[in-house]
Protein backbone atom coordinates (compact mmCIF):
# COMPACT_ATOMS: atom_id res chain seq x y z
CA UNK A 1 117.94 59.68 82.29
CA UNK A 2 117.48 59.66 78.56
CA UNK A 3 114.09 61.28 79.04
CA UNK A 4 115.63 64.07 81.15
CA UNK A 5 118.31 64.69 78.54
CA UNK A 6 115.67 64.81 75.84
CA UNK A 7 113.69 67.39 77.83
CA UNK A 8 116.86 69.41 78.37
CA UNK A 9 117.63 69.29 74.67
CA UNK A 10 114.10 70.45 73.85
CA UNK A 11 114.44 73.28 76.37
CA UNK A 12 117.72 74.43 74.87
CA UNK A 13 116.22 74.27 71.41
CA UNK A 14 113.30 76.42 72.51
CA UNK A 15 115.70 78.78 74.29
CA UNK A 16 117.50 79.63 71.04
CA UNK A 17 114.18 80.44 69.41
CA UNK A 18 113.68 83.45 71.65
CA UNK A 19 112.62 86.40 69.51
CA UNK A 20 113.34 90.12 69.82
CA UNK A 21 110.18 90.67 71.89
CA UNK A 22 111.60 88.53 74.67
CA UNK A 23 114.79 90.61 74.86
CA UNK A 24 112.83 93.85 74.84
CA UNK A 25 110.74 92.41 77.67
CA UNK A 26 113.90 91.56 79.60
CA UNK A 27 115.26 95.10 79.22
CA UNK A 28 111.93 96.54 80.40
CA UNK A 29 111.98 94.21 83.41
CA UNK A 30 115.52 95.28 84.35
CA UNK A 31 114.66 98.96 84.05
CA UNK A 32 111.39 98.51 85.94
CA UNK A 33 112.90 96.76 88.97
CA UNK A 34 116.39 98.30 89.06
CA UNK A 35 115.43 101.86 90.03
CA UNK A 36 117.44 103.29 87.14
CA UNK A 37 114.44 105.26 85.85
CA UNK A 38 114.29 107.40 88.99
CA UNK A 39 117.77 108.90 88.66
CA UNK A 40 117.66 110.45 85.19
CA UNK A 41 118.05 114.22 85.40
CA UNK A 42 115.48 116.40 83.60
CA UNK A 43 113.37 113.32 82.94
CA UNK A 44 111.60 112.79 86.26
CA UNK A 45 108.50 111.58 84.45
CA UNK A 46 110.28 108.29 83.80
CA UNK A 47 109.97 107.48 87.51
CA UNK A 48 106.28 106.82 86.83
CA UNK A 49 107.44 103.55 85.24
CA UNK A 50 109.58 102.50 88.20
CA UNK A 51 108.50 99.73 90.57
CA UNK A 52 109.29 101.59 93.78
CA UNK A 53 107.31 104.63 92.60
CA UNK A 54 104.27 102.57 91.67
CA UNK A 55 104.44 100.63 94.94
CA UNK A 56 104.19 103.99 96.71
CA UNK A 57 103.97 104.42 100.48
CA UNK A 58 101.47 104.09 103.26
CA UNK A 59 99.78 107.13 104.73
CA UNK A 60 100.61 108.46 108.18
CA UNK A 61 98.40 109.13 111.20
CA UNK A 62 98.75 112.90 111.32
CA UNK A 63 95.67 113.75 113.38
CA UNK A 64 94.83 111.24 116.08
CA UNK A 65 91.13 110.78 116.51
CA UNK A 66 90.35 112.00 113.00
CA UNK A 67 92.44 109.96 110.58
CA UNK A 68 91.32 106.44 109.73
CA UNK A 69 93.69 103.47 109.46
CA UNK A 70 94.17 104.47 105.80
CA UNK A 71 96.11 107.51 107.05
CA UNK A 72 96.93 110.69 105.16
CA UNK A 73 99.46 111.26 102.41
CA UNK A 74 99.64 107.72 101.11
CA UNK A 75 100.37 107.23 97.42
CA UNK A 76 100.71 104.42 94.92
CA UNK A 77 99.71 100.78 95.24
CA UNK A 78 100.11 100.69 99.03
CA UNK A 79 97.66 103.53 99.58
CA UNK A 80 95.33 101.95 97.03
CA UNK A 81 95.48 98.64 98.90
CA UNK A 82 94.47 100.26 102.18
CA UNK A 83 91.64 102.12 100.48
CA UNK A 84 90.44 98.90 98.86
CA UNK A 85 90.67 97.18 102.24
CA UNK A 86 88.41 99.84 103.73
CA UNK A 87 85.70 98.82 101.24
CA UNK A 88 85.69 95.18 102.30
CA UNK A 89 83.28 95.51 105.28
CA UNK A 90 80.61 97.28 103.23
CA UNK A 91 80.89 94.76 100.39
CA UNK A 92 80.74 91.82 102.80
CA UNK A 93 77.68 93.32 104.50
CA UNK A 94 75.92 93.88 101.18
CA UNK A 95 76.70 90.38 99.90
CA UNK A 96 75.62 88.83 103.18
CA UNK A 97 72.30 90.69 103.15
CA UNK A 98 71.73 89.80 99.51
CA UNK A 99 72.41 86.12 100.24
CA UNK A 100 69.74 86.13 102.96
CA UNK A 101 67.27 88.03 100.77
CA UNK A 102 67.98 85.74 97.84
CA UNK A 103 67.32 82.72 100.04
CA UNK A 104 63.84 84.06 100.70
CA UNK A 105 63.23 84.63 96.99
CA UNK A 106 64.18 88.27 96.36
CA UNK A 107 65.94 87.48 93.07
CA UNK A 108 63.03 85.32 91.90
CA UNK A 109 60.60 88.14 92.67
CA UNK A 110 62.83 90.66 90.87
CA UNK A 111 63.00 88.34 87.88
CA UNK A 112 59.23 88.05 87.68
CA UNK A 113 58.50 91.75 88.18
CA UNK A 114 61.33 93.34 86.20
CA UNK A 115 61.76 91.00 83.23
CA UNK A 116 58.87 92.65 81.29
CA UNK A 117 60.73 95.97 81.69
CA UNK A 118 64.41 95.04 81.43
CA UNK A 119 64.17 92.40 78.69
CA UNK A 120 62.80 94.71 75.96
CA UNK A 121 64.70 97.75 77.22
CA UNK A 122 68.18 96.34 77.91
CA UNK A 123 67.91 92.74 76.78
CA UNK A 124 68.69 91.38 80.26
CA UNK A 125 66.55 89.22 82.58
CA UNK A 126 64.68 90.73 85.50
CA UNK A 127 66.84 88.95 88.07
CA UNK A 128 69.58 91.48 87.28
CA UNK A 129 67.31 94.21 88.63
CA UNK A 130 68.58 93.63 92.16
CA UNK A 131 72.16 94.15 91.00
CA UNK A 132 71.17 97.34 89.18
CA UNK A 133 69.34 98.70 92.22
CA UNK A 134 72.26 97.80 94.49
CA UNK A 135 74.64 99.66 92.17
CA UNK A 136 72.78 102.89 92.85
CA UNK A 137 74.06 102.76 96.43
CA UNK A 138 77.29 100.79 96.16
CA UNK A 139 79.36 100.13 93.06
CA UNK A 140 81.25 97.34 94.81
CA UNK A 141 78.18 95.48 96.04
CA UNK A 142 76.50 95.84 92.65
CA UNK A 143 79.56 94.49 90.88
CA UNK A 144 79.87 91.61 93.35
CA UNK A 145 76.24 90.59 92.86
CA UNK A 146 76.60 90.81 89.08
CA UNK A 147 79.70 88.59 89.20
CA UNK A 148 77.80 86.09 91.32
CA UNK A 149 74.99 85.96 88.77
CA UNK A 150 77.52 85.35 86.00
CA UNK A 151 79.42 82.71 87.97
CA UNK A 152 76.13 80.86 88.56
CA UNK A 153 75.48 81.07 84.80
CA UNK A 154 72.24 82.96 85.37
CA UNK A 155 73.34 85.60 82.85
CA UNK A 156 75.39 85.38 79.67
CA UNK A 157 78.58 87.24 78.81
CA UNK A 158 76.62 89.56 76.55
CA UNK A 159 74.17 90.38 79.34
CA UNK A 160 77.10 90.86 81.71
CA UNK A 161 78.59 93.44 79.35
CA UNK A 162 75.30 95.36 79.11
CA UNK A 163 74.86 95.34 82.88
CA UNK A 164 78.45 96.50 83.30
CA UNK A 165 77.79 99.44 80.97
CA UNK A 166 74.71 100.41 83.02
CA UNK A 167 76.66 100.23 86.28
CA UNK A 168 79.75 102.01 84.96
CA UNK A 169 77.80 105.09 83.94
CA UNK A 170 77.07 107.13 87.05
CA UNK A 171 78.28 104.35 89.34
CA UNK A 172 77.03 104.58 92.93
CA UNK A 173 74.74 107.34 91.74
CA UNK A 174 72.84 108.07 94.95
CA UNK A 175 75.86 108.08 97.27
CA UNK A 176 78.19 109.93 94.92
CA UNK A 177 75.65 112.56 93.87
CA UNK A 178 74.46 113.51 97.33
CA UNK A 179 77.85 113.09 99.04
CA UNK A 180 80.54 114.25 96.62
CA UNK A 181 78.26 116.22 94.31
CA UNK A 182 76.80 118.20 97.22
CA UNK A 183 79.84 120.49 97.05
CA UNK A 184 78.41 121.92 93.81
CA UNK A 185 74.76 122.19 94.88
CA UNK A 186 75.09 125.89 95.68
CA UNK A 187 76.12 126.57 92.06
CA UNK A 188 73.17 124.80 90.47
CA UNK A 189 70.75 126.97 88.50
CA UNK A 190 68.27 124.12 88.02
CA UNK A 191 66.25 122.01 90.46
CA UNK A 192 68.43 119.76 92.57
CA UNK A 193 66.97 116.50 91.28
CA UNK A 194 67.19 117.39 87.57
CA UNK A 195 70.89 116.47 87.13
CA UNK A 196 70.26 113.34 89.18
CA UNK A 197 67.36 112.34 86.93
CA UNK A 198 69.42 113.01 83.80
CA UNK A 199 72.28 110.83 85.03
CA UNK A 200 69.83 108.05 85.87
CA UNK A 201 68.29 108.24 82.39
CA UNK A 202 71.70 108.26 80.70
CA UNK A 203 72.61 105.06 82.52
CA UNK A 204 69.93 103.43 80.39
CA UNK A 205 71.03 105.34 77.28
CA UNK A 206 74.59 104.05 77.67
CA UNK A 207 73.47 100.48 78.26
CA UNK A 208 71.09 100.58 75.27
CA UNK A 209 73.91 101.92 73.10
CA UNK A 210 76.23 99.11 74.22
CA UNK A 211 73.46 96.59 73.52
CA UNK A 212 73.11 98.01 70.00
CA UNK A 213 76.87 97.71 69.41
CA UNK A 214 76.91 94.12 70.63
CA UNK A 215 73.93 93.21 68.45
CA UNK A 216 75.49 94.71 65.32
CA UNK A 217 79.27 95.09 65.12
CA UNK A 218 80.06 92.32 67.63
CA UNK A 219 77.12 90.06 66.88
CA UNK A 220 79.34 87.15 65.80
CA UNK A 221 81.15 87.14 69.15
CA UNK A 222 77.99 86.03 70.94
CA UNK A 223 76.38 83.74 68.38
CA UNK A 224 77.19 80.61 70.42
CA UNK A 225 75.55 81.85 73.60
């Protein structure tokens, strides 16, 4: 009993030490969840900071036989969740295939073949080559494989950052260029593959730049690796 009272006393003592940031946080929480920000006239932009607005709504099945389960007209977090859910099968398929290929030594082969290229160029081991190649087709599968390499401690945090920079620039390059970018092909005044080649080259340029930054300005952050 004395121990409980002592804990209660300590709690009350800590409670009175609450600073101004805590009260500001409380006010923000009340405004965020109360819906008050959606009813202010001439300031509709404030609704962007309201919980119900950010939660959004699901899409609707407007055209049967054409719309997917994601629907049409969805907005906010709910629409984003359904879109993210639609990516799960492709990511699971990619990871499953990569697990089988890795079992038969694909990562080991990539490490042996690509280390002489990737180590001097990007400062990463050759086993990351499979993740880089996968990223050209699927950003999600490439990111998942990279995370797996990091979780297994096969790459360091510094190498993870460099790989992330390579993947972020022109992510899903092949799919996005020939699928989404095809809408602009008729306006190109240069050979079709030239912009593609430039984007591929600049993936390396961006990663090399990030490597330079990490080796100079942020060198101390990775000295224990």
